[in-house]
Amino acid sequence: MKAWTSIIAAVIEAWQELRIHRTRVLLSLIGVAVAVCSITAVVALSGIAEEANIEQIEANQGQPANVSISVSSTGTIQPTYSELEPAFQMITKRYGIRYASAHGQGQIDAQFVDGAQGLQVTLADPAYAIMHVVSLSHGRWLDEADANRLAPAVVINETVYEELGSPTLASHPVIHLLGSPHTVAVVVGVVRGAAEPGYLAVYMTPGAYERVADPSLQNDSPPVEELWVPPKIAKALTPLVKQDLNQYLDGRYEVDVNRQDYLSQQQGDPLLLVKLVVGGIAVLILLLGALGLFNISMVTVRYRVREIGIRRSFGATATRVFFSVMMESVVATVAAGAIGVIAAILLIENPISQGYIARGITIVPPFPFSAAVIGIVSSTVVGALAGLLPALVAVRVKVIDAIRF
């Protein structure tokens, strides 16, 4: 309790001294605040950029660990997903895999008000939305009941939604598919994201696509099944799945099983160079601010030699004097660091900055708490370093010389 009382008293005393000498320390603290703001903003932006990059990668490759199964034929005609579905179900049941989904690409024409246009089709099952972190702006995702619908259910992107006139989904808007045969598909959801001019995308189950698409277009690529499994077992599971499928299919097709998520392909931080350059500049500014604060502290200590001597004569210990002088720098830089952190938060969280950050991102990550902690900790360390030598000088002041000063 006594130790905490001494620390609080030293902090209050340091704050009072800063108020007395505020003009001297103001200019040096501006540099510290700017540097802390720079460091905090760099760390925050790199964290947000990393989260956004991971979100976009997971949307394409799936969350770790995503084990992809590709089954192809050596001939010109590829097997259909319906033919391979029993084999895929056997794998999911045998290994207790909860989330599995088809993942393929296709195309089909659709009739709009201004004419027929081609749709890019992504084959997906109900689990796909979880595995690929799909976010919806309207409606719902595909579910198990959609497999039995005569009019296939589809989820569309914002571009198709605008092409349809942005109708309310409660009215059950439809898309006229010019497949074989012509079919009416019911829109049940809209994927969140900025509309890309000219890119018309829909999601539908592989069974629905096989029923409505031109058969000649369904042989462009082999069926692919994705399994979402714990990363710890992905490496051991991959050869087992391949072996089981080869046995089940009796060698009729070529089976390829491998991981597709970003953790299996990670090759360092792509933003590392930018972080180092901008971070180095921020550290340099921080050191310059610390140097200015150090000079001010040294001058202030020399002006306070008589005061320090009197305090020592009344019983103040060397530790108390050392801690008091150092805390002046620490409190000053912490206050400047807090201002710098607040400035960085306002800089990044304002609507203008969010507009640039949010491009291509469905959900903007929040301001990283770690960035604020790094800003405060760096300002505290700088204050301690800037106040160390002045505090040592204050401790070495002799009482008799100080009184005569």
Foldseek 3Di string as FASTA:
>chain_A
DVVVVLLVVLLVLLVVVCVVVVVLLVVLLLLLLQLLLLLLLLVQLLVLVVVQVQLVQCLPQFDPFKKKKFWAFPDLFGDACVVCVVLVVVLCVVVVFDAKWWWDWFKFWWAAPVGIDIEIETAIAPSSCVRSVWAFPAFDDDYPVQLPDPAHEKEWEPQVCVSNVVDHLVVFDWIFTVAVPTGIHTYGTYTFADDDPPHIYMYGHSSVCVVGHHSVGRSPGTIMMITHDHNVCQVVVQVVSLVSSCVVVVNRIDMDIDTRGVVVVDDDDPCVVVSVVSNVVSVVSNVSSLVSLLVSLLVVLVVCLLVLLVVVVVPDALVSLLSSQLSSLLSSLLVSLVSSNVVSQCVCVDPVNCVVSCHGGRDRDHRDPVSSVVSNVSSNVSSNVSRNVSSVVSSPRHNVVSNVD
